[in-house]
Amino acid sequence: MRFAISIPQFFADGEFDPAAQRAYLARAEELGFDSGWTQEQILGSMPQLSPLETLTFAAAHTERLRLGCVVFVTPLHNPLHLAKYLSTLDQISRGRLEIGVGIGGGFRDFAAFGIDGSRLVARFNEGLRLMKALWTEPKVDFDGDYWKLEGAGMEPKPFQKPHPPVWFGASAPAALRRAARLGDGFFGAGSSTTEQFAQQVPVVREALAEAGRDVDSFPIAKRVYVAVDDDADRAQRRMAEALIGIYGPEYGRKLAPVAVTGRPEDCAQGLRAVTDAGAELILLTTLFEPAEQMERLAAEVIPLAQV
């Protein structure tokens, strides 16, 4: 079992402290976390830094920690720009980049980005195919429904060959099967319960077998919103408040019961359940007091979760 940690992104205007962020990242490496991850939220009232710039800062101040975003909602991006940005970040980090991708779901305001939301799967598939071509081919001829290139090259390629691992965020059966066909790993959402995740994992593994892919070389992970506190009620309350602040009252309240909260032994029990459901990597996502929470998770929760 491997454990990853969220990289702090929630800072109001003027609140970002570079020294504190550097200290957090250095400590994450010292504590032995496998990787550090960001999220993407472009629109919203909660102040959240962009994942790309946050990861670039992290790459400059770490040496071992792998770095990723779960997920980039790729239909919102021009795949040429995104491929270039990610290739550059993989070079800067000397091959430590992990890439999470997702379609985003129908609830997003795609019109705000000038995108027709009626054919999101087709746009997603074509964009990913184009990014992989730019990462791996010296010259790209591409005749798609959305993008067309002739003899186009993009240099430098990613540091990792053929390209950084591409994790799929997915929940619906069709999306899970798509992850098994086109991805390099599956990342369960923080908004899914452990029970839902336990139902998703067999679908992915079955699709891998159908596609003739090696199940053992296809990692499975899950994001877990977590809050550790000796006062279990306070942990639950603070997590609910944080989720409502990020996702709004209606959706945030629905997410609150999904989180793992409470005393160290409570959190460890919740994480063991995620492991039993099939996770090989758990992304511990804290939403308040990130440095303090990381210390307690490393010292008091992870050792119990590994028993």
C-alpha atoms as a PDB file:
ATOM      1  CA  MET A   1       0.000   0.000   0.000  1.00  0.00           C
ATOM      2  CA  ARG A   2       1.246   3.434  -0.993  1.00  0.00           C
ATOM      3  CA  PHE A   3       0.047   6.741   0.405  1.00  0.00           C
ATOM      4  CA  ALA A   4      -0.036  10.097  -1.351  1.00  0.00           C
ATOM      5  CA  ILE A   5      -0.815  13.521   0.084  1.00  0.00           C
ATOM      6  CA  SER A   6      -2.698  16.526  -1.251  1.00  0.00           C
ATOM      7  CA  ILE A   7      -0.716  19.669  -2.045  1.00  0.00           C
ATOM      8  CA  PRO A   8      -2.288  22.788  -0.481  1.00  0.00           C
ATOM      9  CA  GLN A   9      -4.109  24.955  -3.036  1.00  0.00           C
ATOM     10  CA  PHE A  10      -6.701  26.853  -1.016  1.00  0.00           C
ATOM     11  CA  PHE A  11      -5.380  30.364  -0.443  1.00  0.00           C
ATOM     12  CA  ALA A  12      -7.293  33.630  -0.441  1.00  0.00           C
ATOM     13  CA  ASP A  13      -5.875  36.731  -2.117  1.00  0.00           C
ATOM     14  CA  GLY A  14      -2.469  37.446  -0.593  1.00  0.00           C
ATOM     15  CA  GLU A  15      -2.453  34.442   1.746  1.00  0.00           C
ATOM     16  CA  PHE A  16      -0.021  32.190  -0.140  1.00  0.00           C
ATOM     17  CA  ASP A  17       3.194  31.780   1.866  1.00  0.00           C
ATOM     18  CA  PRO A  18       6.022  30.436  -0.337  1.00  0.00           C
ATOM     19  CA  ALA A  19       8.177  29.484   2.663  1.00  0.00           C
ATOM     20  CA  ALA A  20       5.357  27.520   4.280  1.00  0.00           C
ATOM     21  CA  GLN A  21       4.578  25.746   1.007  1.00  0.00           C
ATOM     22  CA  ARG A  22       8.246  24.827   0.572  1.00  0.00           C
ATOM     23  CA  ALA A  23       8.355  23.493   4.127  1.00  0.00           C
ATOM     24  CA  TYR A  24       5.208  21.433   3.546  1.00  0.00           C
ATOM     25  CA  LEU A  25       6.620  19.871   0.385  1.00  0.00           C
ATOM     26  CA  ALA A  26       9.970  19.120   2.004  1.00  0.00           C
ATOM     27  CA  ARG A  27       8.225  17.509   4.941  1.00  0.00           C
ATOM     28  CA  ALA A  28       6.040  15.386   2.640  1.00  0.00           C
ATOM     29  CA  GLU A  29       9.232  13.973   1.142  1.00  0.00           C
ATOM     30  CA  GLU A  30      10.775  13.404   4.572  1.00  0.00           C
ATOM     31  CA  LEU A  31       7.688  11.548   5.741  1.00  0.00           C
ATOM     32  CA  GLY A  32       7.943   9.175   2.793  1.00  0.00           C
ATOM     33  CA  PHE A  33       4.777   9.965   0.885  1.00  0.00           C
ATOM     34  CA  ASP A  34       4.740   8.415  -2.577  1.00  0.00           C
ATOM     35  CA  SER A  35       3.379  11.466  -4.368  1.00  0.00           C
ATOM     36  CA  GLY A  36       1.692  14.850  -4.005  1.00  0.00           C
ATOM     37  CA  TRP A  37      -1.467  15.734  -5.922  1.00  0.00           C
ATOM     38  CA  THR A  38      -3.534  18.757  -6.863  1.00  0.00           C
ATOM     39  CA  GLN A  39      -7.076  19.264  -8.134  1.00  0.00           C
ATOM     40  CA  GLU A  40      -8.481  21.429 -10.919  1.00  0.00           C
ATOM     41  CA  GLN A  41     -11.325  23.850 -10.222  1.00  0.00           C
ATOM     42  CA  ILE A  42     -11.363  26.802 -12.617  1.00  0.00           C
ATOM     43  CA  LEU A  43     -14.632  28.464 -11.615  1.00  0.00           C
ATOM     44  CA  GLY A  44     -16.020  28.765  -8.103  1.00  0.00           C
ATOM     45  CA  SER A  45     -16.145  31.022  -5.076  1.00  0.00           C
ATOM     46  CA  MET A  46     -13.564  29.031  -3.088  1.00  0.00           C
ATOM     47  CA  PRO A  47     -10.056  30.466  -3.659  1.00  0.00           C
ATOM     48  CA  GLN A  48      -8.100  27.629  -5.243  1.00  0.00           C
ATOM     49  CA  LEU A  49      -4.774  27.913  -7.058  1.00  0.00           C
ATOM     50  CA  SER A  50      -4.335  26.457 -10.530  1.00  0.00           C
ATOM     51  CA  PRO A  51      -2.911  22.911 -10.513  1.00  0.00           C
ATOM     52  CA  LEU A  52      -0.278  23.502 -13.199  1.00  0.00           C
ATOM     53  CA  GLU A  53       1.368  26.442 -11.472  1.00  0.00           C
ATOM     54  CA  THR A  54       1.086  24.750  -8.076  1.00  0.00           C
ATOM     55  CA  LEU A  55       2.768  21.639  -9.462  1.00  0.00           C
ATOM     56  CA  THR A  56       5.500  23.714 -11.090  1.00  0.00           C
ATOM     57  CA  PHE A  57       6.262  25.297  -7.711  1.00  0.00           C
ATOM     58  CA  ALA A  58       6.296  21.820  -6.165  1.00  0.00           C
ATOM     59  CA  ALA A  59       8.628  20.470  -8.848  1.00  0.00           C
ATOM     60  CA  ALA A  60      11.117  23.241  -8.112  1.00  0.00           C
ATOM     61  CA  HIS A  61      11.159  22.471  -4.378  1.00  0.00           C
ATOM     62  CA  THR A  62      11.201  18.667  -4.309  1.00  0.00           C
ATOM     63  CA  GLU A  63      13.524  15.972  -5.570  1.00  0.00           C
ATOM     64  CA  ARG A  64      11.813  12.609  -5.102  1.00  0.00           C
ATOM     65  CA  LEU A  65       8.080  13.217  -4.697  1.00  0.00           C
ATOM     66  CA  ARG A  66       6.029  12.314  -7.737  1.00  0.00           C
ATOM     67  CA  LEU A  67       3.572  15.059  -8.698  1.00  0.00           C
ATOM     68  CA  GLY A  68       0.149  14.965 -10.270  1.00  0.00           C
ATOM     69  CA  CYS A  69      -3.304  16.420 -10.772  1.00  0.00           C
ATOM     70  CA  VAL A  70      -6.516  14.442 -10.368  1.00  0.00           C
ATOM     71  CA  VAL A  71      -8.056  15.375 -12.652  1.00  0.00           C
ATOM     72  CA  PHE A  72      -7.613  17.726 -15.542  1.00  0.00           C
ATOM     73  CA  VAL A  73     -11.047  18.064 -17.136  1.00  0.00           C
ATOM     74  CA  THR A  74      -9.484  17.786 -20.552  1.00  0.00           C
ATOM     75  CA  PRO A  75     -12.504  18.823 -22.677  1.00  0.00           C
ATOM     76  CA  LEU A  76     -12.072  22.299 -21.144  1.00  0.00           C
ATOM     77  CA  HIS A  77      -8.529  22.526 -22.534  1.00  0.00           C
ATOM     78  CA  ASN A  78      -7.005  22.861 -25.961  1.00  0.00           C
ATOM     79  CA  PRO A  79      -5.045  19.583 -26.205  1.00  0.00           C
ATOM     80  CA  LEU A  80      -2.088  21.257 -27.948  1.00  0.00           C
ATOM     81  CA  HIS A  81      -1.628  23.713 -25.101  1.00  0.00           C
ATOM     82  CA  LEU A  82      -2.176  21.084 -22.414  1.00  0.00           C
ATOM     83  CA  ALA A  83       0.229  18.637 -24.065  1.00  0.00           C
ATOM     84  CA  LYS A  84       2.902  21.339 -24.184  1.00  0.00           C
ATOM     85  CA  TYR A  85       2.377  22.420 -20.580  1.00  0.00           C
ATOM     86  CA  LEU A  86       2.514  18.853 -19.285  1.00  0.00           C
ATOM     87  CA  SER A  87       5.530  17.919 -21.372  1.00  0.00           C
ATOM     88  CA  THR A  88       7.345  20.965 -20.010  1.00  0.00           C
ATOM     89  CA  LEU A  89       6.394  20.100 -16.438  1.00  0.00           C
ATOM     90  CA  ASP A  90       7.637  16.538 -16.897  1.00  0.00           C
ATOM     91  CA  GLN A  91      10.964  17.919 -18.113  1.00  0.00           C
ATOM     92  CA  ILE A  92      11.216  20.383 -15.212  1.00  0.00           C
ATOM     93  CA  SER A  93      10.471  17.656 -12.676  1.00  0.00           C
ATOM     94  CA  ARG A  94      12.874  15.215 -14.377  1.00  0.00           C
ATOM     95  CA  GLY A  95      10.152  12.678 -15.069  1.00  0.00           C
ATOM     96  CA  ARG A  96       8.077  12.849 -11.889  1.00  0.00           C
ATOM     97  CA  LEU A  97       4.748  13.837 -13.430  1.00  0.00           C
ATOM     98  CA  GLU A  98       1.493  11.875 -13.112  1.00  0.00           C
ATOM     99  CA  ILE A  99      -1.469  12.982 -15.239  1.00  0.00           C
ATOM    100  CA  GLY A 100      -5.096  12.517 -14.253  1.00  0.00           C
ATOM    101  CA  VAL A 101      -7.759  13.074 -16.887  1.00  0.00           C
ATOM    102  CA  GLY A 102     -11.540  13.120 -16.813  1.00  0.00           C
ATOM    103  CA  ILE A 103     -14.544  14.183 -18.857  1.00  0.00           C
ATOM    104  CA  GLY A 104     -16.038  16.320 -16.121  1.00  0.00           C
ATOM    105  CA  GLY A 105     -19.710  15.431 -16.140  1.00  0.00           C
ATOM    106  CA  GLY A 106     -22.752  17.230 -17.419  1.00  0.00           C
ATOM    107  CA  PHE A 107     -23.135  19.538 -14.404  1.00  0.00           C
ATOM    108  CA  ARG A 108     -20.245  21.786 -15.521  1.00  0.00           C
ATOM    109  CA  ASP A 109     -20.843  25.034 -17.340  1.00  0.00           C
ATOM    110  CA  PHE A 110     -19.166  24.013 -20.578  1.00  0.00           C
ATOM    111  CA  ALA A 111     -20.751  26.920 -22.440  1.00  0.00           C
ATOM    112  CA  ALA A 112     -18.634  29.275 -20.327  1.00  0.00           C
ATOM    113  CA  PHE A 113     -15.600  27.746 -22.041  1.00  0.00           C
ATOM    114  CA  GLY A 114     -17.113  27.932 -25.508  1.00  0.00           C
ATOM    115  CA  ILE A 115     -17.677  24.176 -25.629  1.00  0.00           C
ATOM    116  CA  ASP A 116     -20.726  22.223 -26.733  1.00  0.00           C
ATOM    117  CA  GLY A 117     -21.363  19.705 -23.969  1.00  0.00           C
ATOM    118  CA  SER A 118     -23.351  17.328 -26.155  1.00  0.00           C
ATOM    119  CA  ARG A 119     -20.371  15.273 -27.429  1.00  0.00           C
ATOM    120  CA  LEU A 120     -18.008  15.329 -24.489  1.00  0.00           C
ATOM    121  CA  VAL A 121     -16.848  11.726 -24.828  1.00  0.00           C
ATOM    122  CA  ALA A 122     -15.875  12.219 -28.475  1.00  0.00           C
ATOM    123  CA  ARG A 123     -14.031  15.446 -27.635  1.00  0.00           C
ATOM    124  CA  PHE A 124     -12.302  13.787 -24.675  1.00  0.00           C
ATOM    125  CA  ASN A 125     -11.176  10.743 -26.679  1.00  0.00           C
ATOM    126  CA  GLU A 126      -9.921  12.800 -29.610  1.00  0.00           C
ATOM    127  CA  GLY A 127      -8.082  15.264 -27.387  1.00  0.00           C
ATOM    128  CA  LEU A 128      -6.308  12.495 -25.499  1.00  0.00           C
ATOM    129  CA  ARG A 129      -5.343  10.763 -28.730  1.00  0.00           C
ATOM    130  CA  LEU A 130      -3.898  14.016 -30.053  1.00  0.00           C
ATOM    131  CA  MET A 131      -1.900  14.677 -26.872  1.00  0.00           C
ATOM    132  CA  LYS A 132      -0.391  11.190 -26.977  1.00  0.00           C
ATOM    133  CA  ALA A 133       0.531  11.689 -30.633  1.00  0.00           C
ATOM    134  CA  LEU A 134       2.266  14.983 -29.845  1.00  0.00           C
ATOM    135  CA  TRP A 135       4.162  13.305 -27.004  1.00  0.00           C
ATOM    136  CA  THR A 136       5.372  10.341 -29.027  1.00  0.00           C
ATOM    137  CA  GLU A 137       5.553  11.167 -32.753  1.00  0.00           C
ATOM    138  CA  PRO A 138       8.183  13.382 -34.432  1.00  0.00           C
ATOM    139  CA  LYS A 139       5.595  14.770 -36.855  1.00  0.00           C
ATOM    140  CA  VAL A 140       1.857  14.555 -36.389  1.00  0.00           C
ATOM    141  CA  ASP A 141      -0.742  14.294 -39.113  1.00  0.00           C
ATOM    142  CA  PHE A 142      -4.130  14.417 -37.440  1.00  0.00           C
ATOM    143  CA  ASP A 143      -7.544  14.631 -39.093  1.00  0.00           C
ATOM    144  CA  GLY A 144     -10.110  14.754 -36.311  1.00  0.00           C
ATOM    145  CA  ASP A 145     -13.556  16.189 -35.850  1.00  0.00           C
ATOM    146  CA  TYR A 146     -12.245  18.931 -33.552  1.00  0.00           C
ATOM    147  CA  TRP A 147      -8.555  19.321 -34.371  1.00  0.00           C
ATOM    148  CA  LYS A 148      -6.559  19.001 -37.573  1.00  0.00           C
ATOM    149  CA  LEU A 149      -2.774  19.056 -37.914  1.00  0.00           C
ATOM    150  CA  GLU A 150      -0.439  18.375 -40.795  1.00  0.00           C
ATOM    151  CA  GLY A 151       3.243  17.670 -40.246  1.00  0.00           C
ATOM    152  CA  ALA A 152       3.164  19.299 -36.797  1.00  0.00           C
ATOM    153  CA  GLY A 153       5.855  18.598 -34.239  1.00  0.00           C
ATOM    154  CA  MET A 154       6.121  19.364 -30.551  1.00  0.00           C
ATOM    155  CA  GLU A 155       9.443  19.450 -28.717  1.00  0.00           C
ATOM    156  CA  PRO A 156      10.672  18.628 -26.226  1.00  0.00           C
ATOM    157  CA  LYS A 157       8.788  15.420 -25.663  1.00  0.00           C
ATOM    158  CA  PRO A 158       8.059  14.414 -22.074  1.00  0.00           C
ATOM    159  CA  PHE A 159      11.018  13.237 -20.007  1.00  0.00           C
ATOM    160  CA  GLN A 160       9.208   9.937 -19.345  1.00  0.00           C
ATOM    161  CA  LYS A 161       8.878   7.632 -22.311  1.00  0.00           C
ATOM    162  CA  PRO A 162       6.579   7.200 -24.071  1.00  0.00           C
ATOM    163  CA  HIS A 163       4.807   9.756 -21.821  1.00  0.00           C
ATOM    164  CA  PRO A 164       3.856  10.266 -18.155  1.00  0.00           C
ATOM    165  CA  PRO A 165       1.323   7.824 -16.698  1.00  0.00           C
ATOM    166  CA  VAL A 166      -2.243   8.806 -17.563  1.00  0.00           C
ATOM    167  CA  TRP A 167      -4.739   8.069 -14.796  1.00  0.00           C
ATOM    168  CA  PHE A 168      -8.449   8.074 -15.572  1.00  0.00           C
ATOM    169  CA  GLY A 169     -10.994   9.478 -13.188  1.00  0.00           C
ATOM    170  CA  ALA A 170     -14.249   7.644 -13.821  1.00  0.00           C
ATOM    171  CA  SER A 171     -17.347   6.284 -12.130  1.00  0.00           C
ATOM    172  CA  ALA A 172     -19.924   5.131 -14.710  1.00  0.00           C
ATOM    173  CA  PRO A 173     -19.399   1.608 -16.131  1.00  0.00           C
ATOM    174  CA  ALA A 174     -18.700   2.883 -19.649  1.00  0.00           C
ATOM    175  CA  ALA A 175     -16.122   5.337 -18.311  1.00  0.00           C
ATOM    176  CA  LEU A 176     -14.500   2.611 -16.206  1.00  0.00           C
ATOM    177  CA  ARG A 177     -14.153   0.402 -19.274  1.00  0.00           C
ATOM    178  CA  ARG A 178     -12.717   3.362 -21.188  1.00  0.00           C
ATOM    179  CA  ALA A 179     -10.119   3.775 -18.446  1.00  0.00           C
ATOM    180  CA  ALA A 180      -9.090   0.149 -18.844  1.00  0.00           C
ATOM    181  CA  ARG A 181      -8.740   0.517 -22.624  1.00  0.00           C
ATOM    182  CA  LEU A 182      -6.996   3.877 -22.852  1.00  0.00           C
ATOM    183  CA  GLY A 183      -5.471   4.683 -19.465  1.00  0.00           C
ATOM    184  CA  ASP A 184      -2.463   3.681 -17.429  1.00  0.00           C
ATOM    185  CA  GLY A 185      -4.351   3.586 -14.113  1.00  0.00           C
ATOM    186  CA  PHE A 186      -7.737   4.204 -12.493  1.00  0.00           C
ATOM    187  CA  PHE A 187      -8.280   6.844  -9.803  1.00  0.00           C
ATOM    188  CA  GLY A 188     -11.459   6.608  -7.758  1.00  0.00           C
ATOM    189  CA  ALA A 189     -13.030   9.944  -6.901  1.00  0.00           C
ATOM    190  CA  GLY A 190     -13.108  11.441  -3.449  1.00  0.00           C
ATOM    191  CA  SER A 191     -16.843  11.923  -3.981  1.00  0.00           C
ATOM    192  CA  SER A 192     -17.429   8.169  -4.248  1.00  0.00           C
ATOM    193  CA  THR A 193     -18.045   6.057  -1.179  1.00  0.00           C
ATOM    194  CA  THR A 194     -15.847   3.098  -0.348  1.00  0.00           C
ATOM    195  CA  GLU A 195     -18.782   0.846  -1.240  1.00  0.00           C
ATOM    196  CA  GLN A 196     -19.121   2.471  -4.666  1.00  0.00           C
ATOM    197  CA  PHE A 197     -15.373   2.190  -5.215  1.00  0.00           C
ATOM    198  CA  ALA A 198     -15.528  -1.509  -4.301  1.00  0.00           C
ATOM    199  CA  GLN A 199     -18.102  -1.966  -7.076  1.00  0.00           C
ATOM    200  CA  GLN A 200     -16.028  -0.020  -9.611  1.00  0.00           C
ATOM    201  CA  VAL A 201     -12.780  -1.954  -9.177  1.00  0.00           C
ATOM    202  CA  PRO A 202     -14.119  -5.305 -10.531  1.00  0.00           C
ATOM    203  CA  VAL A 203     -15.507  -3.517 -13.589  1.00  0.00           C
ATOM    204  CA  VAL A 204     -12.047  -2.090 -14.323  1.00  0.00           C
ATOM    205  CA  ARG A 205     -10.321  -5.426 -13.798  1.00  0.00           C
ATOM    206  CA  GLU A 206     -12.814  -7.257 -15.972  1.00  0.00           C
ATOM    207  CA  ALA A 207     -12.340  -4.688 -18.748  1.00  0.00           C
ATOM    208  CA  LEU A 208      -8.562  -5.037 -18.462  1.00  0.00           C
ATOM    209  CA  ALA A 209      -8.852  -8.798 -18.919  1.00  0.00           C
ATOM    210  CA  GLU A 210     -11.147  -8.330 -21.918  1.00  0.00           C
ATOM    211  CA  ALA A 211      -8.618  -5.942 -23.473  1.00  0.00           C
ATOM    212  CA  GLY A 212      -5.771  -8.378 -22.868  1.00  0.00           C
ATOM    213  CA  ARG A 213      -3.999  -6.015 -20.501  1.00  0.00           C
ATOM    214  CA  ASP A 214      -1.990  -7.052 -17.462  1.00  0.00           C
ATOM    215  CA  VAL A 215      -4.035  -6.325 -14.343  1.00  0.00           C
ATOM    216  CA  ASP A 216      -0.921  -6.198 -12.155  1.00  0.00           C
ATOM    217  CA  SER A 217       0.652  -3.403 -14.223  1.00  0.00           C
ATOM    218  CA  PHE A 218      -2.471  -1.213 -14.095  1.00  0.00           C
ATOM    219  CA  PRO A 219      -2.544   0.594 -10.714  1.00  0.00           C
ATOM    220  CA  ILE A 220      -5.765   1.471  -8.918  1.00  0.00           C
ATOM    221  CA  ALA A 221      -6.000   4.439  -6.565  1.00  0.00           C
ATOM    222  CA  LYS A 222      -8.590   6.436  -4.662  1.00  0.00           C
ATOM    223  CA  ARG A 223      -8.794   9.946  -3.292  1.00  0.00           C
ATOM    224  CA  VAL A 224      -9.997  10.040   0.313  1.00  0.00           C
ATOM    225  CA  TYR A 225     -11.062  13.241   2.037  1.00  0.00           C
ATOM    226  CA  VAL A 226      -9.713  12.793   5.550  1.00  0.00           C
ATOM    227  CA  ALA A 227      -9.677  14.692   8.856  1.00  0.00           C
ATOM    228  CA  VAL A 228      -8.051  13.328  12.004  1.00  0.00           C
ATOM    229  CA  ASP A 229      -8.968  14.763  15.402  1.00  0.00           C
ATOM    230  CA  ASP A 230      -9.224  13.325  18.914  1.00  0.00           C
ATOM    231  CA  ASP A 231     -12.698  14.870  18.968  1.00  0.00           C
ATOM    232  CA  ALA A 232     -14.541  12.807  16.338  1.00  0.00           C
ATOM    233  CA  ASP A 233     -17.553  15.119  16.183  1.00  0.00           C
ATOM    234  CA  ARG A 234     -15.332  18.140  15.608  1.00  0.00           C
ATOM    235  CA  ALA A 235     -13.470  16.357  12.806  1.00  0.00           C
ATOM    236  CA  GLN A 236     -16.730  15.512  11.066  1.00  0.00           C
ATOM    237  CA  ARG A 237     -18.061  19.048  11.499  1.00  0.00           C
ATOM    238  CA  ARG A 238     -14.922  20.730  10.170  1.00  0.00           C
ATOM    239  CA  MET A 239     -14.772  18.406   7.179  1.00  0.00           C
ATOM    240  CA  ALA A 240     -18.424  19.096   6.342  1.00  0.00           C
ATOM    241  CA  GLU A 241     -17.820  22.842   6.551  1.00  0.00           C
ATOM    242  CA  ALA A 242     -14.794  22.589   4.275  1.00  0.00           C
ATOM    243  CA  LEU A 243     -16.616  20.488   1.669  1.00  0.00           C
ATOM    244  CA  ILE A 244     -19.551  22.902   1.636  1.00  0.00           C
ATOM    245  CA  GLY A 245     -17.108  25.771   1.187  1.00  0.00           C
ATOM    246  CA  ILE A 246     -15.557  24.111  -1.846  1.00  0.00           C
ATOM    247  CA  TYR A 247     -18.550  22.499  -3.533  1.00  0.00           C
ATOM    248  CA  GLY A 248     -21.456  24.611  -2.285  1.00  0.00           C
ATOM    249  CA  PRO A 249     -24.212  23.770   0.209  1.00  0.00           C
ATOM    250  CA  GLU A 250     -26.140  21.201  -1.835  1.00  0.00           C
ATOM    251  CA  TYR A 251     -23.280  19.076  -3.175  1.00  0.00           C
ATOM    252  CA  GLY A 252     -20.990  19.660  -0.200  1.00  0.00           C
ATOM    253  CA  ARG A 253     -23.553  18.205   2.232  1.00  0.00           C
ATOM    254  CA  LYS A 254     -23.854  15.108   0.040  1.00  0.00           C
ATOM    255  CA  LEU A 255     -20.090  14.630   0.115  1.00  0.00           C
ATOM    256  CA  ALA A 256     -19.664  15.003   3.866  1.00  0.00           C
ATOM    257  CA  PRO A 257     -20.672  11.394   4.729  1.00  0.00           C
ATOM    258  CA  VAL A 258     -18.152  10.091   2.164  1.00  0.00           C
ATOM    259  CA  ALA A 259     -15.144  11.503   4.027  1.00  0.00           C
ATOM    260  CA  VAL A 260     -13.058   9.537   6.521  1.00  0.00           C
ATOM    261  CA  THR A 261     -12.961  11.475   9.794  1.00  0.00           C
ATOM    262  CA  GLY A 262     -12.407  10.983  13.501  1.00  0.00           C
ATOM    263  CA  ARG A 263      -9.759   9.718  15.859  1.00  0.00           C
ATOM    264  CA  PRO A 264      -6.610   8.077  14.455  1.00  0.00           C
ATOM    265  CA  GLU A 265      -8.071   4.599  14.899  1.00  0.00           C
ATOM    266  CA  ASP A 266     -11.300   5.663  13.150  1.00  0.00           C
ATOM    267  CA  CYS A 267      -9.392   7.050  10.174  1.00  0.00           C
ATOM    268  CA  ALA A 268      -7.165   3.977   9.996  1.00  0.00           C
ATOM    269  CA  GLN A 269     -10.212   1.741   9.894  1.00  0.00           C
ATOM    270  CA  GLY A 270     -11.672   3.800   7.059  1.00  0.00           C
ATOM    271  CA  LEU A 271      -8.433   3.607   5.077  1.00  0.00           C
ATOM    272  CA  ARG A 272      -8.164  -0.155   5.587  1.00  0.00           C
ATOM    273  CA  ALA A 273     -11.638  -0.469   4.077  1.00  0.00           C
ATOM    274  CA  VAL A 274     -10.464   1.457   0.994  1.00  0.00           C
ATOM    275  CA  THR A 275      -7.472  -0.881   0.714  1.00  0.00           C
ATOM    276  CA  ASP A 276      -9.725  -3.921   1.038  1.00  0.00           C
ATOM    277  CA  ALA A 277     -11.877  -2.494  -1.760  1.00  0.00           C
ATOM    278  CA  GLY A 278      -8.893  -2.621  -4.116  1.00  0.00           C
ATOM    279  CA  ALA A 279      -6.876   0.586  -3.747  1.00  0.00           C
ATOM    280  CA  GLU A 280      -3.112   0.258  -4.137  1.00  0.00           C
ATOM    281  CA  LEU A 281      -2.546   3.999  -3.688  1.00  0.00           C
ATOM    282  CA  ILE A 282      -4.598   6.221  -1.377  1.00  0.00           C
ATOM    283  CA  LEU A 283      -4.492   9.978  -1.853  1.00  0.00           C
ATOM    284  CA  LEU A 284      -5.054  11.540   1.564  1.00  0.00           C
ATOM    285  CA  THR A 285      -6.774  14.862   0.928  1.00  0.00           C
ATOM    286  CA  THR A 286      -6.898  17.290   3.827  1.00  0.00           C
ATOM    287  CA  LEU A 287      -9.004  20.441   3.663  1.00  0.00           C
ATOM    288  CA  PHE A 288      -7.853  22.378   6.736  1.00  0.00           C
ATOM    289  CA  GLU A 289      -4.607  22.741   8.702  1.00  0.00           C
ATOM    290  CA  PRO A 290      -2.743  20.748   6.019  1.00  0.00           C
ATOM    291  CA  ALA A 291       0.674  20.664   7.695  1.00  0.00           C
ATOM    292  CA  GLU A 292      -0.711  19.558  11.056  1.00  0.00           C
ATOM    293  CA  GLN A 293      -3.012  17.022   9.434  1.00  0.00           C
ATOM    294  CA  MET A 294      -0.157  15.566   7.374  1.00  0.00           C
ATOM    295  CA  GLU A 295       1.952  15.075  10.500  1.00  0.00           C
ATOM    296  CA  ARG A 296      -0.827  13.268  12.345  1.00  0.00           C
ATOM    297  CA  LEU A 297      -1.683  11.121   9.346  1.00  0.00           C
ATOM    298  CA  ALA A 298       1.933  10.023   8.956  1.00  0.00           C
ATOM    299  CA  ALA A 299       2.569   9.413  12.662  1.00  0.00           C
ATOM    300  CA  GLU A 300      -0.764   8.139  13.956  1.00  0.00           C
ATOM    301  CA  VAL A 301      -2.999   6.947  11.119  1.00  0.00           C
ATOM    302  CA  ILE A 302      -0.865   5.326   8.414  1.00  0.00           C
ATOM    303  CA  PRO A 303       0.938   2.943  10.821  1.00  0.00           C
ATOM    304  CA  LEU A 304      -2.459   1.710  12.088  1.00  0.00           C
ATOM    305  CA  ALA A 305      -3.858   1.465   8.561  1.00  0.00           C
ATOM    306  CA  GLN A 306      -0.986  -0.790   7.518  1.00  0.00           C
ATOM    307  CA  VAL A 307      -1.530  -3.314  10.329  1.00  0.00           C
END
